[in-house]
Amino acid sequence: EIMSSLDYDRLERRFPRLSDWYERVSELPGVTATAPL
């Protein structure tokens, strides 16, 4: 709700290349396991 108020409801809507890049990096080996515990 608050992020939508800041115009960040979906990353892909405003920054499609950045959103695709984020997904691409997320799919690299071992990256998911680095996320905050």
Full PDB file with SEQRES, HELIX, SHEET, SSBOND, CRYST1, ORIGX, SCALE, CONECT and MASTER records, all heavy atoms in Angstrom:
SEQRES   1 A   37  GLU ILE MET SER SER LEU ASP TYR ASP ARG LEU GLU ARG          
SEQRES   2 A   37  ARG PHE PRO ARG LEU SER ASP TRP TYR GLU ARG VAL SER          
SEQRES   3 A   37  GLU LEU PRO GLY VAL THR ALA THR ALA PRO LEU                  
HELIX    1 AA1 ILE A    2  SER A    5  1                                   4    
HELIX    2 AA2 LEU A   11  ARG A   14  1                                   4    
HELIX    3 AA3 PRO A   16  SER A   26  1                                  11    
HELIX    4 AA4 THR A   32  THR A   34  5                                   3    
CRYST1    1.000    1.000    1.000  90.00  90.00  90.00 P 1           1          
ORIGX1      1.000000  0.000000  0.000000        0.00000                         
ORIGX2      0.000000  1.000000  0.000000        0.00000                         
ORIGX3      0.000000  0.000000  1.000000        0.00000                         
SCALE1      1.000000  0.000000  0.000000        0.00000                         
SCALE2      0.000000  1.000000  0.000000        0.00000                         
SCALE3      0.000000  0.000000  1.000000        0.00000                         
ATOM      1  N   GLU A   1       0.825  -1.213   0.000  1.00  0.00           N  
ATOM      2  CA  GLU A   1       0.000   0.000   0.000  1.00  0.00           C  
ATOM      3  C   GLU A   1       0.856   1.259   0.000  1.00  0.00           C  
ATOM      4  O   GLU A   1       0.661   2.165  -0.819  1.00  0.00           O  
ATOM      5  CB  GLU A   1      -0.943   0.002   1.201  1.00  0.00           C  
ATOM      6  CG  GLU A   1      -1.929   1.161   1.166  1.00  0.00           C  
ATOM      7  CD  GLU A   1      -3.020   1.042   2.203  1.00  0.00           C  
ATOM      8  OE1 GLU A   1      -3.302  -0.084   2.643  1.00  0.00           O  
ATOM      9  OE2 GLU A   1      -3.589   2.092   2.576  1.00  0.00           O  
ATOM     10  N   ILE A   2       1.811   1.321   0.903  1.00  0.00           N  
ATOM     11  CA  ILE A   2       2.644   2.521   0.968  1.00  0.00           C  
ATOM     12  C   ILE A   2       3.563   2.618  -0.244  1.00  0.00           C  
ATOM     13  O   ILE A   2       3.785   3.710  -0.777  1.00  0.00           O  
ATOM     14  CB  ILE A   2       3.441   2.581   2.291  1.00  0.00           C  
ATOM     15  CG1 ILE A   2       4.153   3.940   2.409  1.00  0.00           C  
ATOM     16  CG2 ILE A   2       4.430   1.432   2.405  1.00  0.00           C  
ATOM     17  CD1 ILE A   2       4.769   4.170   3.773  1.00  0.00           C  
ATOM     18  N   MET A   3       4.047   1.484  -0.732  1.00  0.00           N  
ATOM     19  CA  MET A   3       4.910   1.529  -1.920  1.00  0.00           C  
ATOM     20  C   MET A   3       4.121   1.951  -3.143  1.00  0.00           C  
ATOM     21  O   MET A   3       4.631   2.660  -4.011  1.00  0.00           O  
ATOM     22  CB  MET A   3       5.579   0.173  -2.129  1.00  0.00           C  
ATOM     23  CG  MET A   3       6.642  -0.168  -1.087  1.00  0.00           C  
ATOM     24  SD  MET A   3       7.997   1.033  -1.005  1.00  0.00           S  
ATOM     25  CE  MET A   3       8.912   0.593  -2.506  1.00  0.00           C  
ATOM     26  N   SER A   4       2.854   1.549  -3.221  1.00  0.00           N  
ATOM     27  CA  SER A   4       2.006   1.996  -4.326  1.00  0.00           C  
ATOM     28  C   SER A   4       1.789   3.503  -4.260  1.00  0.00           C  
ATOM     29  O   SER A   4       1.771   4.189  -5.292  1.00  0.00           O  
ATOM     30  CB  SER A   4       0.667   1.263  -4.279  1.00  0.00           C  
ATOM     31  OG  SER A   4      -0.163   1.665  -5.351  1.00  0.00           O  
ATOM     32  N   SER A   5       1.661   4.034  -3.047  1.00  0.00           N  
ATOM     33  CA  SER A   5       1.507   5.482  -2.878  1.00  0.00           C  
ATOM     34  C   SER A   5       2.738   6.239  -3.352  1.00  0.00           C  
ATOM     35  O   SER A   5       2.651   7.414  -3.723  1.00  0.00           O  
ATOM     36  CB  SER A   5       1.240   5.815  -1.408  1.00  0.00           C  
ATOM     37  OG  SER A   5       0.025   5.237  -0.972  1.00  0.00           O  
ATOM     38  N   LEU A   6       3.885   5.543  -3.342  1.00  0.00           N  
ATOM     39  CA  LEU A   6       5.140   6.131  -3.815  1.00  0.00           C  
ATOM     40  C   LEU A   6       5.382   5.822  -5.291  1.00  0.00           C  
ATOM     41  O   LEU A   6       6.461   6.089  -5.817  1.00  0.00           O  
ATOM     42  CB  LEU A   6       6.307   5.618  -2.974  1.00  0.00           C  
ATOM     43  CG  LEU A   6       6.244   5.944  -1.473  1.00  0.00           C  
ATOM     44  CD1 LEU A   6       7.375   5.237  -0.727  1.00  0.00           C  
ATOM     45  CD2 LEU A   6       6.305   7.452  -1.242  1.00  0.00           C  
ATOM     46  N   ASP A   7       4.360   5.232  -5.946  1.00  0.00           N  
ATOM     47  CA  ASP A   7       4.415   4.865  -7.362  1.00  0.00           C  
ATOM     48  C   ASP A   7       5.364   3.693  -7.612  1.00  0.00           C  
ATOM     49  O   ASP A   7       5.989   3.595  -8.662  1.00  0.00           O  
ATOM     50  CB  ASP A   7       4.805   6.064  -8.234  1.00  0.00           C  
ATOM     51  CG  ASP A   7       4.302   5.914  -9.671  1.00  0.00           C  
ATOM     52  OD1 ASP A   7       3.371   5.105  -9.896  1.00  0.00           O  
ATOM     53  OD2 ASP A   7       4.841   6.581 -10.568  1.00  0.00           O  
ATOM     54  N   TYR A   8       5.455   2.802  -6.623  1.00  0.00           N  
ATOM     55  CA  TYR A   8       6.247   1.583  -6.761  1.00  0.00           C  
ATOM     56  C   TYR A   8       5.353   0.364  -6.535  1.00  0.00           C  
ATOM     57  O   TYR A   8       5.650  -0.505  -5.737  1.00  0.00           O  
ATOM     58  CB  TYR A   8       7.409   1.568  -5.751  1.00  0.00           C  
ATOM     59  CG  TYR A   8       8.611   2.348  -6.223  1.00  0.00           C  
ATOM     60  CD1 TYR A   8       8.712   3.716  -5.989  1.00  0.00           C  
ATOM     61  CD2 TYR A   8       9.647   1.724  -6.916  1.00  0.00           C  
ATOM     62  CE1 TYR A   8       9.809   4.436  -6.425  1.00  0.00           C  
ATOM     63  CE2 TYR A   8      10.745   2.441  -7.362  1.00  0.00           C  
ATOM     64  CZ  TYR A   8      10.824   3.796  -7.111  1.00  0.00           C  
ATOM     65  OH  TYR A   8      11.910   4.517  -7.557  1.00  0.00           O  
ATOM     66  N   ASP A   9       4.229   0.308  -7.280  1.00  0.00           N  
ATOM     67  CA  ASP A   9       3.344  -0.837  -7.129  1.00  0.00           C  
ATOM     68  C   ASP A   9       3.928  -2.084  -7.790  1.00  0.00           C  
ATOM     69  O   ASP A   9       3.817  -3.183  -7.259  1.00  0.00           O  
ATOM     70  CB  ASP A   9       1.956  -0.528  -7.704  1.00  0.00           C  
ATOM     71  CG  ASP A   9       2.007  -0.081  -9.156  1.00  0.00           C  
ATOM     72  OD1 ASP A   9       3.047   0.475  -9.571  1.00  0.00           O  
ATOM     73  OD2 ASP A   9       1.012  -0.268  -9.871  1.00  0.00           O  
ATOM     74  N   ARG A  10       4.581  -1.881  -8.952  1.00  0.00           N  
ATOM     75  CA  ARG A  10       5.240  -2.994  -9.652  1.00  0.00           C  
ATOM     76  C   ARG A  10       6.501  -2.450 -10.305  1.00  0.00           C  
ATOM     77  O   ARG A  10       6.449  -1.477 -11.055  1.00  0.00           O  
ATOM     78  CB  ARG A  10       4.340  -3.615 -10.734  1.00  0.00           C  
ATOM     79  CG  ARG A  10       3.058  -4.218 -10.237  1.00  0.00           C  
ATOM     80  CD  ARG A  10       2.349  -5.072 -11.304  1.00  0.00           C  
ATOM     81  NE  ARG A  10       2.517  -4.567 -12.657  1.00  0.00           N  
ATOM     82  CZ  ARG A  10       1.765  -3.631 -13.230  1.00  0.00           C  
ATOM     83  NH1 ARG A  10       0.813  -3.039 -12.528  1.00  0.00           N  
ATOM     84  NH2 ARG A  10       1.968  -3.255 -14.484  1.00  0.00           N  
ATOM     85  N   LEU A  11       7.604  -3.094 -10.043  1.00  0.00           N  
ATOM     86  CA  LEU A  11       8.866  -2.627 -10.613  1.00  0.00           C  
ATOM     87  C   LEU A  11       8.834  -2.667 -12.132  1.00  0.00           C  
ATOM     88  O   LEU A  11       9.332  -1.757 -12.803  1.00  0.00           O  
ATOM     89  CB  LEU A  11      10.016  -3.498 -10.081  1.00  0.00           C  
ATOM     90  CG  LEU A  11      11.443  -2.966 -10.300  1.00  0.00           C  
ATOM     91  CD1 LEU A  11      11.653  -1.670  -9.523  1.00  0.00           C  
ATOM     92  CD2 LEU A  11      12.462  -4.011  -9.853  1.00  0.00           C  
ATOM     93  N   GLU A  12       8.206  -3.718 -12.690  1.00  0.00           N  
ATOM     94  CA  GLU A  12       8.220  -3.893 -14.148  1.00  0.00           C  
ATOM     95  C   GLU A  12       7.417  -2.821 -14.880  1.00  0.00           C  
ATOM     96  O   GLU A  12       7.639  -2.584 -16.077  1.00  0.00           O  
ATOM     97  CB  GLU A  12       7.714  -5.284 -14.533  1.00  0.00           C  
ATOM     98  CG  GLU A  12       6.262  -5.568 -14.211  1.00  0.00           C  
ATOM     99  CD  GLU A  12       6.079  -6.170 -12.832  1.00  0.00           C  
ATOM    100  OE1 GLU A  12       6.975  -6.008 -11.982  1.00  0.00           O  
ATOM    101  OE2 GLU A  12       5.019  -6.792 -12.599  1.00  0.00           O  
ATOM    102  N   ARG A  13       6.485  -2.183 -14.206  1.00  0.00           N  
ATOM    103  CA  ARG A  13       5.668  -1.169 -14.873  1.00  0.00           C  
ATOM    104  C   ARG A  13       6.499   0.053 -15.227  1.00  0.00           C  
ATOM    105  O   ARG A  13       6.398   0.582 -16.334  1.00  0.00           O  
ATOM    106  CB  ARG A  13       4.490  -0.779 -13.980  1.00  0.00           C  
ATOM    107  CG  ARG A  13       3.612   0.320 -14.589  1.00  0.00           C  
ATOM    108  CD  ARG A  13       2.425   0.652 -13.696  1.00  0.00           C  
ATOM    109  NE  ARG A  13       2.835   1.164 -12.401  1.00  0.00           N  
ATOM    110  CZ  ARG A  13       3.187   2.431 -12.188  1.00  0.00           C  
ATOM    111  NH1 ARG A  13       3.214   3.319 -13.192  1.00  0.00           N  
ATOM    112  NH2 ARG A  13       3.520   2.839 -10.976  1.00  0.00           N  
ATOM    113  N   ARG A  14       7.344   0.492 -14.301  1.00  0.00           N  
ATOM    114  CA  ARG A  14       8.102   1.720 -14.522  1.00  0.00           C  
ATOM    115  C   ARG A  14       9.519   1.462 -15.029  1.00  0.00           C  
ATOM    116  O   ARG A  14      10.084   2.292 -15.736  1.00  0.00           O  
ATOM    117  CB  ARG A  14       8.157   2.528 -13.230  1.00  0.00           C  
ATOM    118  CG  ARG A  14       6.775   2.999 -12.781  1.00  0.00           C  
ATOM    119  CD  ARG A  14       6.887   3.883 -11.574  1.00  0.00           C  
ATOM    120  NE  ARG A  14       7.718   5.033 -11.825  1.00  0.00           N  
ATOM    121  CZ  ARG A  14       8.384   5.697 -10.884  1.00  0.00           C  
ATOM    122  NH1 ARG A  14       8.313   5.294  -9.628  1.00  0.00           N  
ATOM    123  NH2 ARG A  14       9.115   6.744 -11.190  1.00  0.00           N  
ATOM    124  N   PHE A  15      10.075   0.334 -14.641  1.00  0.00           N  
ATOM    125  CA  PHE A  15      11.472   0.046 -14.994  1.00  0.00           C  
ATOM    126  C   PHE A  15      11.563  -1.379 -15.539  1.00  0.00           C  
ATOM    127  O   PHE A  15      12.085  -2.289 -14.881  1.00  0.00           O  
ATOM    128  CB  PHE A  15      12.374   0.207 -13.758  1.00  0.00           C  
ATOM    129  CG  PHE A  15      12.211   1.526 -13.058  1.00  0.00           C  
ATOM    130  CD1 PHE A  15      11.560   1.598 -11.837  1.00  0.00           C  
ATOM    131  CD2 PHE A  15      12.688   2.691 -13.631  1.00  0.00           C  
ATOM    132  CE1 PHE A  15      11.401   2.811 -11.183  1.00  0.00           C  
ATOM    133  CE2 PHE A  15      12.528   3.911 -12.988  1.00  0.00           C  
ATOM    134  CZ  PHE A  15      11.879   3.977 -11.764  1.00  0.00           C  
ATOM    135  N   PRO A  16      11.056  -1.598 -16.757  1.00  0.00           N  
ATOM    136  CA  PRO A  16      10.977  -2.965 -17.282  1.00  0.00           C  
ATOM    137  C   PRO A  16      12.335  -3.635 -17.472  1.00  0.00           C  
ATOM    138  O   PRO A  16      12.474  -4.839 -17.204  1.00  0.00           O  
ATOM    139  CB  PRO A  16      10.250  -2.800 -18.622  1.00  0.00           C  
ATOM    140  CG  PRO A  16      10.397  -1.342 -18.976  1.00  0.00           C  
ATOM    141  CD  PRO A  16      10.443  -0.621 -17.679  1.00  0.00           C  
ATOM    142  N   ARG A  17      13.332  -2.889 -17.919  1.00  0.00           N  
ATOM    143  CA  ARG A  17      14.658  -3.493 -18.095  1.00  0.00           C  
ATOM    144  C   ARG A  17      15.254  -3.870 -16.752  1.00  0.00           C  
ATOM    145  O   ARG A  17      15.867  -4.931 -16.592  1.00  0.00           O  
ATOM    146  CB  ARG A  17      15.592  -2.520 -18.824  1.00  0.00           C  
ATOM    147  CG  ARG A  17      15.217  -2.254 -20.274  1.00  0.00           C  
ATOM    148  CD  ARG A  17      16.057  -1.137 -20.857  1.00  0.00           C  
ATOM    149  NE  ARG A  17      15.694  -0.834 -22.228  1.00  0.00           N  
ATOM    150  CZ  ARG A  17      16.083   0.236 -22.888  1.00  0.00           C  
ATOM    151  NH1 ARG A  17      16.890   1.122 -22.289  1.00  0.00           N  
ATOM    152  NH2 ARG A  17      15.710   0.453 -24.134  1.00  0.00           N  
ATOM    153  N   LEU A  18      15.076  -2.998 -15.776  1.00  0.00           N  
ATOM    154  CA  LEU A  18      15.582  -3.269 -14.434  1.00  0.00           C  
ATOM    155  C   LEU A  18      14.875  -4.477 -13.821  1.00  0.00           C  
ATOM    156  O   LEU A  18      15.509  -5.315 -13.165  1.00  0.00           O  
ATOM    157  CB  LEU A  18      15.387  -2.030 -13.562  1.00  0.00           C  
ATOM    158  CG  LEU A  18      16.040  -2.022 -12.181  1.00  0.00           C  
ATOM    159  CD1 LEU A  18      17.549  -2.210 -12.298  1.00  0.00           C  
ATOM    160  CD2 LEU A  18      15.710  -0.727 -11.449  1.00  0.00           C  
ATOM    161  N   SER A  19      13.589  -4.580 -14.052  1.00  0.00           N  
ATOM    162  CA  SER A  19      12.831  -5.722 -13.551  1.00  0.00           C  
ATOM    163  C   SER A  19      13.300  -7.026 -14.192  1.00  0.00           C  
ATOM    164  O   SER A  19      13.489  -8.037 -13.502  1.00  0.00           O  
ATOM    165  CB  SER A  19      11.337  -5.520 -13.821  1.00  0.00           C  
ATOM    166  OG  SER A  19      10.599  -6.635 -13.387  1.00  0.00           O  
ATOM    167  N   ASP A  20      13.506  -7.005 -15.509  1.00  0.00           N  
ATOM    168  CA  ASP A  20      14.008  -8.203 -16.206  1.00  0.00           C  
ATOM    169  C   ASP A  20      15.399  -8.573 -15.698  1.00  0.00           C  
ATOM    170  O   ASP A  20      15.700  -9.756 -15.503  1.00  0.00           O  
ATOM    171  CB  ASP A  20      14.065  -7.947 -17.712  1.00  0.00           C  
ATOM    172  CG  ASP A  20      12.681  -7.920 -18.354  1.00  0.00           C  
ATOM    173  OD1 ASP A  20      11.707  -8.344 -17.691  1.00  0.00           O  
ATOM    174  OD2 ASP A  20      12.575  -7.459 -19.505  1.00  0.00           O  
ATOM    175  N   TRP A  21      16.235  -7.562 -15.500  1.00  0.00           N  
ATOM    176  CA  TRP A  21      17.586  -7.813 -14.972  1.00  0.00           C  
ATOM    177  C   TRP A  21      17.524  -8.439 -13.592  1.00  0.00           C  
ATOM    178  O   TRP A  21      18.257  -9.385 -13.294  1.00  0.00           O  
ATOM    179  CB  TRP A  21      18.350  -6.488 -14.937  1.00  0.00           C  
ATOM    180  CG  TRP A  21      19.568  -6.484 -14.069  1.00  0.00           C  
ATOM    181  CD1 TRP A  21      20.831  -6.876 -14.406  1.00  0.00           C  
ATOM    182  CD2 TRP A  21      19.644  -6.053 -12.697  1.00  0.00           C  
ATOM    183  NE1 TRP A  21      21.689  -6.724 -13.333  1.00  0.00           N  
ATOM    184  CE2 TRP A  21      20.979  -6.228 -12.281  1.00  0.00           C  
ATOM    185  CE3 TRP A  21      18.715  -5.548 -11.793  1.00  0.00           C  
ATOM    186  CZ2 TRP A  21      21.409  -5.908 -10.986  1.00  0.00           C  
ATOM    187  CZ3 TRP A  21      19.122  -5.231 -10.513  1.00  0.00           C  
ATOM    188  CH2 TRP A  21      20.464  -5.414 -10.128  1.00  0.00           C  
ATOM    189  N   TYR A  22      16.630  -7.926 -12.742  1.00  0.00           N  
ATOM    190  CA  TYR A  22      16.509  -8.459 -11.385  1.00  0.00           C  
ATOM    191  C   TYR A  22      16.129  -9.944 -11.430  1.00  0.00           C  
ATOM    192  O   TYR A  22      16.700 -10.754 -10.689  1.00  0.00           O  
ATOM    193  CB  TYR A  22      15.465  -7.657 -10.608  1.00  0.00           C  
ATOM    194  CG  TYR A  22      15.298  -8.127  -9.185  1.00  0.00           C  
ATOM    195  CD1 TYR A  22      16.222  -7.775  -8.209  1.00  0.00           C  
ATOM    196  CD2 TYR A  22      14.227  -8.936  -8.813  1.00  0.00           C  
ATOM    197  CE1 TYR A  22      16.083  -8.216  -6.899  1.00  0.00           C  
ATOM    198  CE2 TYR A  22      14.084  -9.384  -7.514  1.00  0.00           C  
ATOM    199  CZ  TYR A  22      15.014  -9.024  -6.564  1.00  0.00           C  
ATOM    200  OH  TYR A  22      14.886  -9.476  -5.280  1.00  0.00           O  
ATOM    201  N   GLU A  23      15.193 -10.291 -12.288  1.00  0.00           N  
ATOM    202  CA  GLU A  23      14.802 -11.697 -12.424  1.00  0.00           C  
ATOM    203  C   GLU A  23      15.949 -12.537 -12.981  1.00  0.00           C  
ATOM    204  O   GLU A  23      16.161 -13.675 -12.552  1.00  0.00           O  
ATOM    205  CB  GLU A  23      13.578 -11.810 -13.330  1.00  0.00           C  
ATOM    206  CG  GLU A  23      12.319 -11.209 -12.748  1.00  0.00           C  
ATOM    207  CD  GLU A  23      11.943 -11.834 -11.411  1.00  0.00           C  
ATOM    208  OE1 GLU A  23      12.065 -13.072 -11.281  1.00  0.00           O  
ATOM    209  OE2 GLU A  23      11.551 -11.082 -10.492  1.00  0.00           O  
ATOM    210  N   ARG A  24      16.690 -11.968 -13.916  1.00  0.00           N  
ATOM    211  CA  ARG A  24      17.813 -12.684 -14.523  1.00  0.00           C  
ATOM    212  C   ARG A  24      18.888 -12.995 -13.484  1.00  0.00           C  
ATOM    213  O   ARG A  24      19.411 -14.108 -13.416  1.00  0.00           O  
ATOM    214  CB  ARG A  24      18.382 -11.836 -15.665  1.00  0.00           C  
ATOM    215  CG  ARG A  24      19.353 -12.559 -16.590  1.00  0.00           C  
ATOM    216  CD  ARG A  24      19.755 -11.651 -17.750  1.00  0.00           C  
ATOM    217  NE  ARG A  24      18.601 -11.259 -18.528  1.00  0.00           N  
ATOM    218  CZ  ARG A  24      18.188 -10.007 -18.714  1.00  0.00           C  
ATOM    219  NH1 ARG A  24      18.861  -9.002 -18.179  1.00  0.00           N  
ATOM    220  NH2 ARG A  24      17.130  -9.747 -19.439  1.00  0.00           N  
ATOM    221  N   VAL A  25      19.213 -11.999 -12.660  1.00  0.00           N  
ATOM    222  CA  VAL A  25      20.209 -12.228 -11.609  1.00  0.00           C  
ATOM    223  C   VAL A  25      19.680 -13.227 -10.590  1.00  0.00           C  
ATOM    224  O   VAL A  25      20.412 -14.103 -10.116  1.00  0.00           O  
ATOM    225  CB  VAL A  25      20.591 -10.899 -10.926  1.00  0.00           C  
ATOM    226  CG1 VAL A  25      21.557 -11.157  -9.766  1.00  0.00           C  
ATOM    227  CG2 VAL A  25      21.228  -9.940 -11.922  1.00  0.00           C  
ATOM    228  N   SER A  26      18.400 -13.125 -10.265  1.00  0.00           N  
ATOM    229  CA  SER A  26      17.795 -14.031  -9.271  1.00  0.00           C  
ATOM    230  C   SER A  26      17.900 -15.486  -9.684  1.00  0.00           C  
ATOM    231  O   SER A  26      17.951 -16.384  -8.832  1.00  0.00           O  
ATOM    232  CB  SER A  26      16.322 -13.674  -9.064  1.00  0.00           C  
ATOM    233  OG  SER A  26      16.169 -12.372  -8.550  1.00  0.00           O  
ATOM    234  N   GLU A  27      17.924 -15.725 -10.999  1.00  0.00           N  
ATOM    235  CA  GLU A  27      17.963 -17.092 -11.501  1.00  0.00           C  
ATOM    236  C   GLU A  27      19.372 -17.676 -11.594  1.00  0.00           C  
ATOM    237  O   GLU A  27      19.541 -18.863 -11.892  1.00  0.00           O  
ATOM    238  CB  GLU A  27      17.296 -17.152 -12.881  1.00  0.00           C  
ATOM    239  CG  GLU A  27      15.782 -16.882 -12.818  1.00  0.00           C  
ATOM    240  CD  GLU A  27      15.158 -16.701 -14.183  1.00  0.00           C  
ATOM    241  OE1 GLU A  27      15.918 -16.736 -15.195  1.00  0.00           O  
ATOM    242  OE2 GLU A  27      13.932 -16.508 -14.249  1.00  0.00           O  
ATOM    243  N   LEU A  28      20.401 -16.870 -11.312  1.00  0.00           N  
ATOM    244  CA  LEU A  28      21.771 -17.374 -11.356  1.00  0.00           C  
ATOM    245  C   LEU A  28      22.001 -18.365 -10.216  1.00  0.00           C  
ATOM    246  O   LEU A  28      21.394 -18.264  -9.153  1.00  0.00           O  
ATOM    247  CB  LEU A  28      22.767 -16.219 -11.236  1.00  0.00           C  
ATOM    248  CG  LEU A  28      22.824 -15.239 -12.417  1.00  0.00           C  
ATOM    249  CD1 LEU A  28      23.711 -14.052 -12.063  1.00  0.00           C  
ATOM    250  CD2 LEU A  28      23.334 -15.929 -13.672  1.00  0.00           C  
ATOM    251  N   PRO A  29      22.886 -19.349 -10.413  1.00  0.00           N  
ATOM    252  CA  PRO A  29      23.141 -20.345  -9.364  1.00  0.00           C  
ATOM    253  C   PRO A  29      23.553 -19.709  -8.041  1.00  0.00           C  
ATOM    254  O   PRO A  29      24.432 -18.847  -8.005  1.00  0.00           O  
ATOM    255  CB  PRO A  29      24.289 -21.179  -9.952  1.00  0.00           C  
ATOM    256  CG  PRO A  29      24.182 -21.004 -11.429  1.00  0.00           C  
ATOM    257  CD  PRO A  29      23.674 -19.607 -11.637  1.00  0.00           C  
ATOM    258  N   GLY A  30      22.898 -20.129  -6.981  1.00  0.00           N  
ATOM    259  CA  GLY A  30      23.279 -19.698  -5.643  1.00  0.00           C  
ATOM    260  C   GLY A  30      22.740 -18.362  -5.191  1.00  0.00           C  
ATOM    261  O   GLY A  30      22.851 -18.017  -4.011  1.00  0.00           O  
ATOM    262  N   VAL A  31      22.133 -17.590  -6.087  1.00  0.00           N  
ATOM    263  CA  VAL A  31      21.701 -16.234  -5.718  1.00  0.00           C  
ATOM    264  C   VAL A  31      20.542 -16.263  -4.726  1.00  0.00           C  
ATOM    265  O   VAL A  31      20.512 -15.497  -3.756  1.00  0.00           O  
ATOM    266  CB  VAL A  31      21.350 -15.410  -6.974  1.00  0.00           C  
ATOM    267  CG1 VAL A  31      20.583 -14.138  -6.599  1.00  0.00           C  
ATOM    268  CG2 VAL A  31      22.625 -15.048  -7.731  1.00  0.00           C  
ATOM    269  N   THR A  32      19.583 -17.152  -4.937  1.00  0.00           N  
ATOM    270  CA  THR A  32      18.438 -17.228  -4.030  1.00  0.00           C  
ATOM    271  C   THR A  32      18.887 -17.466  -2.590  1.00  0.00           C  
ATOM    272  O   THR A  32      18.320 -16.897  -1.638  1.00  0.00           O  
ATOM    273  CB  THR A  32      17.477 -18.349  -4.464  1.00  0.00           C  
ATOM    274  OG1 THR A  32      17.009 -18.059  -5.791  1.00  0.00           O  
ATOM    275  CG2 THR A  32      16.283 -18.439  -3.537  1.00  0.00           C  
ATOM    276  N   ALA A  33      19.921 -18.269  -2.419  1.00  0.00           N  
ATOM    277  CA  ALA A  33      20.413 -18.610  -1.080  1.00  0.00           C  
ATOM    278  C   ALA A  33      21.101 -17.438  -0.390  1.00  0.00           C  
ATOM    279  O   ALA A  33      21.375 -17.515   0.812  1.00  0.00           O  
ATOM    280  CB  ALA A  33      21.364 -19.793  -1.161  1.00  0.00           C  
ATOM    281  N   THR A  34      21.393 -16.365  -1.116  1.00  0.00           N  
ATOM    282  CA  THR A  34      22.035 -15.195  -0.494  1.00  0.00           C  
ATOM    283  C   THR A  34      21.026 -14.237   0.112  1.00  0.00           C  
ATOM    284  O   THR A  34      21.420 -13.309   0.831  1.00  0.00           O  
ATOM    285  CB  THR A  34      22.886 -14.405  -1.522  1.00  0.00           C  
ATOM    286  OG1 THR A  34      22.005 -13.773  -2.486  1.00  0.00           O  
ATOM    287  CG2 THR A  34      23.878 -15.304  -2.233  1.00  0.00           C  
ATOM    288  N   ALA A  35      19.739 -14.426  -0.166  1.00  0.00           N  
ATOM    289  CA  ALA A  35      18.718 -13.505   0.337  1.00  0.00           C  
ATOM    290  C   ALA A  35      18.763 -13.440   1.859  1.00  0.00           C  
ATOM    291  O   ALA A  35      19.147 -14.407   2.522  1.00  0.00           O  
ATOM    292  CB  ALA A  35      17.336 -13.950  -0.130  1.00  0.00           C  
ATOM    293  N   PRO A  36      18.398 -12.300   2.444  1.00  0.00           N  
ATOM    294  CA  PRO A  36      18.400 -12.180   3.898  1.00  0.00           C  
ATOM    295  C   PRO A  36      17.694 -13.344   4.585  1.00  0.00           C  
ATOM    296  O   PRO A  36      16.626 -13.772   4.158  1.00  0.00           O  
ATOM    297  CB  PRO A  36      17.663 -10.853   4.126  1.00  0.00           C  
ATOM    298  CG  PRO A  36      18.026 -10.038   2.911  1.00  0.00           C  
ATOM    299  CD  PRO A  36      18.021 -11.027   1.786  1.00  0.00           C  
ATOM    300  N   LEU A  37      18.308 -13.825   5.642  1.00  0.00           N  
ATOM    301  CA  LEU A  37      17.855 -15.027   6.326  1.00  0.00           C  
ATOM    302  C   LEU A  37      16.413 -14.901   6.792  1.00  0.00           C  
ATOM    303  O   LEU A  37      15.609 -15.827   6.636  1.00  0.00           O  
ATOM    304  CB  LEU A  37      18.772 -15.307   7.516  1.00  0.00           C  
ATOM    305  CG  LEU A  37      18.697 -16.682   8.171  1.00  0.00           C  
ATOM    306  CD1 LEU A  37      19.068 -17.776   7.193  1.00  0.00           C  
ATOM    307  CD2 LEU A  37      19.588 -16.724   9.395  1.00  0.00           C  
TER     308      LEU A  37                                                      
MASTER        0    0    0    4    0    0    0    6  307    1    0    3          
END                                                                             
